[in-house]
Structures are given as C-alpha cells and as structure tokens.
Amino acid sequence: MGAFQNKKFRGSADANTFGAKYRAIMAKRPFLLFGLPFLTVIVGGSFVLTPATAIRYERHDRKVRQMSKEEALSVGKNKRKVDMREEYYRLAAKDIDNWEQKRVKRFAGESDGLL
C-alpha cells in the first residue's frame, strides 16, 4: 500500500471560497506571508522612531546650549582673584608639618575596612 498524500482533500465547493484562494496564493508566494509584514514593520518603525529621536535631541539641545557674550562675561564676576604670593603665604601660615590623620565617619551598616 502507498503512502498517504500530503495534500488535503478539498471539495469542489471549497475551491471558489475566499479562504481557498488565499491559501493557494500564500502557497505560491510566501513573500506575502513573511516578507511583506516584515518590511512593513521595518519601514513603519522608522517613521515612528524619527520623531522620537528628534525629541530626544531637542531636549539635549535645550540643556546644552551656547552662552551669549553677556552671559559669559557675567559668569566670572563673583569669583575672587587668585594671587600666587597670597596663596603661598596662606599655606605657609598653616602648620602643615603637624597634622593628624582622622578616619571618615561611616554610614550605619557600612563596612569600615578594618579586618
């Protein structure tokens, strides 16, 4: 006795239905079942992600922007002037040879590094 056929029996009534025509087209052209939906998702995703990326870069540009000349001039007004001689004498006035090492206070439950 021979092997069973792979094709299912379809009656003549089923041959003219939309489902039967659709199955026949899909069997002949698998691109419509796999390739077309894949390409649609890829192209559609690029259209959806383009505005989202633009929003991201616009937000970044709002945070990081160029300063105007007036803003740049006003930034350094409140700083004190640094003089090397003054810094030298301020440091010399401190007794840097006589110091004591102190441990930093640890948070509760944090390891203090001692064995």
N, C-alpha and C. Protein backbone atom coordinates (compact mmCIF):
# COMPACT_ATOMS: atom_id res chain seq x y z
N MET A 1 0.84 -1.17 0.00
CA MET A 1 0.00 0.00 0.00
C MET A 1 0.89 1.23 0.00
N GLY A 2 0.51 2.29 -0.73
CA GLY A 2 1.29 3.50 -0.89
C GLY A 2 1.15 4.44 0.30
N ALA A 3 2.00 5.42 0.35
CA ALA A 3 1.97 6.42 1.43
C ALA A 3 0.81 7.38 1.21
N PHE A 4 0.38 8.00 2.29
CA PHE A 4 -0.70 8.98 2.18
C PHE A 4 -0.19 10.24 1.50
N GLN A 5 -1.07 10.94 0.84
CA GLN A 5 -0.70 12.17 0.17
C GLN A 5 -0.61 13.31 1.20
N ASN A 6 0.25 14.28 0.92
CA ASN A 6 0.39 15.44 1.79
C ASN A 6 -0.74 16.43 1.60
N LYS A 7 -1.35 16.44 0.44
CA LYS A 7 -2.41 17.39 0.16
C LYS A 7 -3.72 16.91 0.78
N LYS A 8 -4.42 17.84 1.41
CA LYS A 8 -5.72 17.51 1.97
C LYS A 8 -6.76 17.56 0.87
N PHE A 9 -7.79 16.76 1.03
CA PHE A 9 -8.86 16.75 0.04
C PHE A 9 -9.75 17.97 0.24
N ARG A 10 -9.90 18.72 -0.80
CA ARG A 10 -10.77 19.87 -0.78
C ARG A 10 -11.85 19.63 -1.84
N GLY A 11 -13.06 19.77 -1.39
CA GLY A 11 -14.17 19.55 -2.31
C GLY A 11 -14.30 20.68 -3.31
N SER A 12 -15.10 20.47 -4.33
CA SER A 12 -15.28 21.49 -5.36
C SER A 12 -16.01 22.71 -4.80
N ALA A 13 -16.76 22.54 -3.72
CA ALA A 13 -17.47 23.67 -3.12
C ALA A 13 -16.48 24.62 -2.44
N ASP A 14 -15.39 24.07 -1.91
CA ASP A 14 -14.40 24.90 -1.23
C ASP A 14 -13.45 25.60 -2.20
N ALA A 15 -13.41 25.20 -3.43
CA ALA A 15 -12.45 25.75 -4.39
C ALA A 15 -12.71 27.21 -4.72
N ASN A 16 -13.94 27.65 -4.62
CA ASN A 16 -14.29 29.03 -5.00
C ASN A 16 -14.39 29.98 -3.81
N THR A 17 -14.09 29.53 -2.62
CA THR A 17 -14.21 30.41 -1.45
C THR A 17 -12.98 31.31 -1.35
N PHE A 18 -13.12 32.39 -0.58
CA PHE A 18 -12.01 33.34 -0.37
C PHE A 18 -10.85 32.65 0.34
N GLY A 19 -11.14 31.81 1.34
CA GLY A 19 -10.08 31.12 2.08
C GLY A 19 -9.26 30.21 1.20
N ALA A 20 -9.91 29.52 0.29
CA ALA A 20 -9.18 28.60 -0.59
C ALA A 20 -8.29 29.37 -1.55
N LYS A 21 -8.79 30.49 -2.07
CA LYS A 21 -7.98 31.32 -2.97
C LYS A 21 -6.80 31.91 -2.21
N TYR A 22 -7.05 32.34 -1.00
CA TYR A 22 -5.99 32.93 -0.16
C TYR A 22 -4.90 31.90 0.12
N ARG A 23 -5.31 30.67 0.48
CA ARG A 23 -4.35 29.61 0.74
C ARG A 23 -3.51 29.29 -0.49
N ALA A 24 -4.14 29.30 -1.64
CA ALA A 24 -3.42 29.00 -2.89
C ALA A 24 -2.40 30.09 -3.20
N ILE A 25 -2.78 31.34 -2.99
CA ILE A 25 -1.85 32.45 -3.24
C ILE A 25 -0.68 32.38 -2.26
N MET A 26 -0.96 32.08 -0.98
CA MET A 26 0.09 32.00 0.03
C MET A 26 1.05 30.85 -0.24
N ALA A 27 0.53 29.76 -0.77
CA ALA A 27 1.39 28.62 -1.09
C ALA A 27 2.33 28.96 -2.25
N LYS A 28 1.85 29.75 -3.19
CA LYS A 28 2.66 30.11 -4.34
C LYS A 28 3.64 31.24 -4.03
N ARG A 29 3.23 32.19 -3.18
CA ARG A 29 4.05 33.37 -2.89
C ARG A 29 4.22 33.55 -1.38
N PRO A 30 5.22 32.91 -0.78
CA PRO A 30 5.42 33.04 0.67
C PRO A 30 5.89 34.43 1.09
N PHE A 31 6.34 35.27 0.15
CA PHE A 31 6.73 36.64 0.48
C PHE A 31 5.57 37.41 1.10
N LEU A 32 4.36 37.15 0.61
CA LEU A 32 3.19 37.86 1.13
C LEU A 32 2.92 37.51 2.59
N LEU A 33 3.30 36.31 2.99
CA LEU A 33 3.05 35.88 4.37
C LEU A 33 4.16 36.31 5.31
N PHE A 34 5.41 36.29 4.85
CA PHE A 34 6.55 36.57 5.73
C PHE A 34 7.25 37.88 5.40
N GLY A 35 7.59 38.10 4.16
CA GLY A 35 8.39 39.25 3.76
C GLY A 35 7.67 40.57 3.85
N LEU A 36 6.45 40.63 3.35
CA LEU A 36 5.70 41.89 3.33
C LEU A 36 5.41 42.41 4.74
N PRO A 37 4.94 41.58 5.68
CA PRO A 37 4.75 42.10 7.04
C PRO A 37 6.06 42.55 7.69
N PHE A 38 7.15 41.84 7.42
CA PHE A 38 8.45 42.21 7.98
C PHE A 38 8.89 43.59 7.46
N LEU A 39 8.82 43.78 6.16
CA LEU A 39 9.20 45.07 5.59
C LEU A 39 8.28 46.19 6.05
N THR A 40 7.01 45.89 6.23
CA THR A 40 6.07 46.89 6.72
C THR A 40 6.44 47.34 8.13
N VAL A 41 6.81 46.41 8.97
CA VAL A 41 7.22 46.76 10.35
C VAL A 41 8.50 47.59 10.33
N ILE A 42 9.45 47.23 9.51
CA ILE A 42 10.72 47.97 9.44
C ILE A 42 10.49 49.40 8.96
N VAL A 43 9.77 49.57 7.88
CA VAL A 43 9.53 50.91 7.33
C VAL A 43 8.65 51.73 8.27
N GLY A 44 7.60 51.11 8.79
CA GLY A 44 6.72 51.82 9.74
C GLY A 44 7.46 52.21 11.01
N GLY A 45 8.34 51.34 11.48
CA GLY A 45 9.12 51.66 12.68
C GLY A 45 10.03 52.84 12.47
N SER A 46 10.60 52.97 11.29
CA SER A 46 11.47 54.12 11.03
C SER A 46 10.67 55.41 11.05
N PHE A 47 9.43 55.39 10.55
CA PHE A 47 8.60 56.59 10.59
C PHE A 47 8.17 56.93 12.01
N VAL A 48 7.98 55.92 12.84
CA VAL A 48 7.57 56.17 14.23
C VAL A 48 8.76 56.65 15.06
N LEU A 49 9.94 56.09 14.84
CA LEU A 49 11.10 56.42 15.66
C LEU A 49 11.76 57.74 15.28
N THR A 50 11.54 58.25 14.08
CA THR A 50 12.15 59.51 13.66
C THR A 50 11.71 60.67 14.54
N PRO A 51 10.41 60.88 14.81
CA PRO A 51 10.03 61.98 15.71
C PRO A 51 10.51 61.77 17.15
N ALA A 52 10.55 60.52 17.59
CA ALA A 52 11.02 60.25 18.95
C ALA A 52 12.49 60.62 19.08
N THR A 53 13.29 60.32 18.08
CA THR A 53 14.71 60.68 18.10
C THR A 53 14.87 62.19 18.05
N ALA A 54 14.05 62.86 17.25
CA ALA A 54 14.13 64.32 17.17
C ALA A 54 13.82 64.95 18.52
N ILE A 55 12.84 64.43 19.23
CA ILE A 55 12.50 64.94 20.56
C ILE A 55 13.68 64.76 21.50
N ARG A 56 14.34 63.64 21.40
CA ARG A 56 15.50 63.37 22.28
C ARG A 56 16.60 64.40 22.06
N TYR A 57 16.93 64.67 20.79
CA TYR A 57 17.99 65.61 20.51
C TYR A 57 17.58 67.05 20.83
N GLU A 58 16.31 67.39 20.65
CA GLU A 58 15.85 68.73 21.02
C GLU A 58 15.96 68.94 22.52
N ARG A 59 15.62 67.95 23.30
CA ARG A 59 15.75 68.05 24.75
C ARG A 59 17.21 68.23 25.15
N HIS A 60 18.10 67.47 24.50
CA HIS A 60 19.53 67.60 24.79
C HIS A 60 20.03 69.01 24.43
N ASP A 61 19.56 69.55 23.31
CA ASP A 61 19.98 70.88 22.89
C ASP A 61 19.49 71.96 23.85
N ARG A 62 18.33 71.75 24.48
CA ARG A 62 17.85 72.72 25.46
C ARG A 62 18.75 72.75 26.69
N LYS A 63 19.26 71.57 27.08
CA LYS A 63 20.14 71.50 28.25
C LYS A 63 21.51 72.10 27.94
N VAL A 64 22.07 71.75 26.80
CA VAL A 64 23.41 72.19 26.43
C VAL A 64 23.25 73.21 25.31
N ARG A 65 23.48 74.46 25.63
CA ARG A 65 23.34 75.50 24.62
C ARG A 65 24.51 76.45 24.74
N GLN A 66 24.75 77.21 23.70
CA GLN A 66 25.84 78.17 23.72
C GLN A 66 25.44 79.37 24.56
N MET A 67 26.43 79.89 25.26
CA MET A 67 26.19 81.08 26.08
C MET A 67 26.38 82.32 25.22
N SER A 68 25.57 83.31 25.50
CA SER A 68 25.78 84.58 24.81
C SER A 68 26.98 85.29 25.44
N LYS A 69 27.45 86.34 24.80
CA LYS A 69 28.63 87.04 25.31
C LYS A 69 28.33 87.69 26.67
N GLU A 70 27.10 88.18 26.85
CA GLU A 70 26.74 88.80 28.12
C GLU A 70 26.75 87.77 29.25
N GLU A 71 26.24 86.58 28.96
CA GLU A 71 26.25 85.52 29.98
C GLU A 71 27.66 85.08 30.30
N ALA A 72 28.50 84.98 29.29
CA ALA A 72 29.88 84.56 29.50
C ALA A 72 30.63 85.59 30.34
N LEU A 73 30.37 86.85 30.13
CA LEU A 73 31.05 87.89 30.91
C LEU A 73 30.58 87.93 32.35
N SER A 74 29.33 87.58 32.60
CA SER A 74 28.80 87.65 33.96
C SER A 74 29.12 86.41 34.79
N VAL A 75 29.65 85.37 34.18
CA VAL A 75 29.92 84.13 34.91
C VAL A 75 31.04 84.32 35.92
N GLY A 76 32.11 84.99 35.56
CA GLY A 76 33.28 85.07 36.42
C GLY A 76 33.33 86.29 37.33
N LYS A 77 32.27 87.04 37.46
CA LYS A 77 32.30 88.28 38.25
C LYS A 77 32.40 88.03 39.74
N ASN A 78 31.78 86.99 40.25
CA ASN A 78 31.73 86.78 41.70
C ASN A 78 32.92 85.99 42.24
N LYS A 79 33.83 85.60 41.39
CA LYS A 79 34.98 84.83 41.85
C LYS A 79 36.04 85.76 42.41
N ARG A 80 36.80 85.27 43.37
CA ARG A 80 37.88 86.10 43.92
C ARG A 80 39.11 85.94 43.04
N LYS A 81 39.91 86.95 43.01
CA LYS A 81 41.14 86.93 42.22
C LYS A 81 42.18 86.07 42.93
N VAL A 82 42.95 85.32 42.16
CA VAL A 82 43.97 84.45 42.73
C VAL A 82 45.34 85.08 42.50
N ASP A 83 46.07 85.23 43.61
CA ASP A 83 47.44 85.74 43.55
C ASP A 83 48.35 84.65 44.11
N MET A 84 49.39 84.28 43.38
CA MET A 84 50.25 83.18 43.81
C MET A 84 50.96 83.50 45.12
N ARG A 85 51.38 84.74 45.31
CA ARG A 85 52.06 85.10 46.56
C ARG A 85 51.12 84.98 47.75
N GLU A 86 49.89 85.43 47.56
CA GLU A 86 48.91 85.35 48.65
C GLU A 86 48.63 83.88 49.00
N GLU A 87 48.50 83.04 48.00
CA GLU A 87 48.25 81.62 48.26
C GLU A 87 49.44 80.98 48.97
N TYR A 88 50.63 81.38 48.60
CA TYR A 88 51.81 80.83 49.25
C TYR A 88 51.83 81.19 50.73
N TYR A 89 51.57 82.44 51.05
CA TYR A 89 51.61 82.87 52.45
C TYR A 89 50.45 82.30 53.25
N ARG A 90 49.30 82.12 52.60
CA ARG A 90 48.17 81.48 53.31
C ARG A 90 48.52 80.04 53.68
N LEU A 91 49.17 79.34 52.78
CA LEU A 91 49.56 77.95 53.03
C LEU A 91 50.70 77.90 54.05
N ALA A 92 51.62 78.84 54.00
CA ALA A 92 52.74 78.87 54.92
C ALA A 92 52.28 79.19 56.34
N ALA A 93 51.20 79.92 56.47
CA ALA A 93 50.70 80.28 57.80
C ALA A 93 50.14 79.05 58.51
N LYS A 94 49.70 78.06 57.73
CA LYS A 94 49.21 76.83 58.35
C LYS A 94 50.39 75.96 58.73
N ASP A 95 50.23 75.21 59.78
CA ASP A 95 51.29 74.31 60.22
C ASP A 95 51.09 72.97 59.53
N ILE A 96 51.73 72.80 58.38
CA ILE A 96 51.49 71.58 57.59
C ILE A 96 52.33 70.41 58.05
N ASP A 97 53.31 70.65 58.93
CA ASP A 97 54.13 69.55 59.42
C ASP A 97 53.50 68.86 60.61
N ASN A 98 52.57 69.48 61.24
CA ASN A 98 51.95 68.96 62.45
C ASN A 98 50.48 68.66 62.16
N TRP A 99 50.19 67.46 61.71
CA TRP A 99 48.81 67.11 61.38
C TRP A 99 48.49 65.73 61.91
N GLU A 100 47.22 65.42 61.96
CA GLU A 100 46.77 64.14 62.49
C GLU A 100 45.79 63.52 61.49
N GLN A 101 45.98 62.23 61.26
CA GLN A 101 45.09 61.54 60.33
C GLN A 101 43.81 61.16 61.06
N LYS A 102 42.65 61.48 60.48
CA LYS A 102 41.36 61.18 61.08
C LYS A 102 40.57 60.31 60.11
N ARG A 103 39.86 59.33 60.68
CA ARG A 103 39.02 58.45 59.85
C ARG A 103 37.71 59.15 59.50
N VAL A 104 37.23 58.86 58.33
CA VAL A 104 35.96 59.41 57.90
C VAL A 104 34.84 58.65 58.59
N LYS A 105 33.83 59.38 59.07
CA LYS A 105 32.70 58.73 59.74
C LYS A 105 31.91 57.93 58.70
N ARG A 106 31.60 56.67 59.02
CA ARG A 106 30.91 55.77 58.10
C ARG A 106 29.40 55.80 58.36
N PHE A 107 28.64 55.46 57.34
CA PHE A 107 27.20 55.33 57.49
C PHE A 107 26.89 54.08 58.30
N ALA A 108 25.70 54.03 58.88
CA ALA A 108 25.30 52.86 59.66
C ALA A 108 25.23 51.64 58.74
N GLY A 109 25.88 50.56 59.15
CA GLY A 109 25.88 49.32 58.39
C GLY A 109 26.93 49.25 57.31
N GLU A 110 27.67 50.34 57.08
CA GLU A 110 28.71 50.32 56.06
C GLU A 110 29.99 49.76 56.64
N SER A 111 30.73 48.99 55.85
CA SER A 111 31.97 48.40 56.31
C SER A 111 33.01 49.49 56.48
N ASP A 112 33.76 49.44 57.59
CA ASP A 112 34.76 50.47 57.84
C ASP A 112 36.14 50.07 57.30
N GLY A 113 36.27 48.88 56.71
CA GLY A 113 37.51 48.46 56.10
C GLY A 113 38.50 47.82 57.05
N LEU A 114 38.14 47.72 58.33
CA LEU A 114 39.02 47.07 59.28
C LEU A 114 38.74 45.58 59.32
N LEU A 115 39.79 44.79 59.45
CA LEU A 115 39.62 43.34 59.49
C LEU A 115 39.38 42.88 60.90
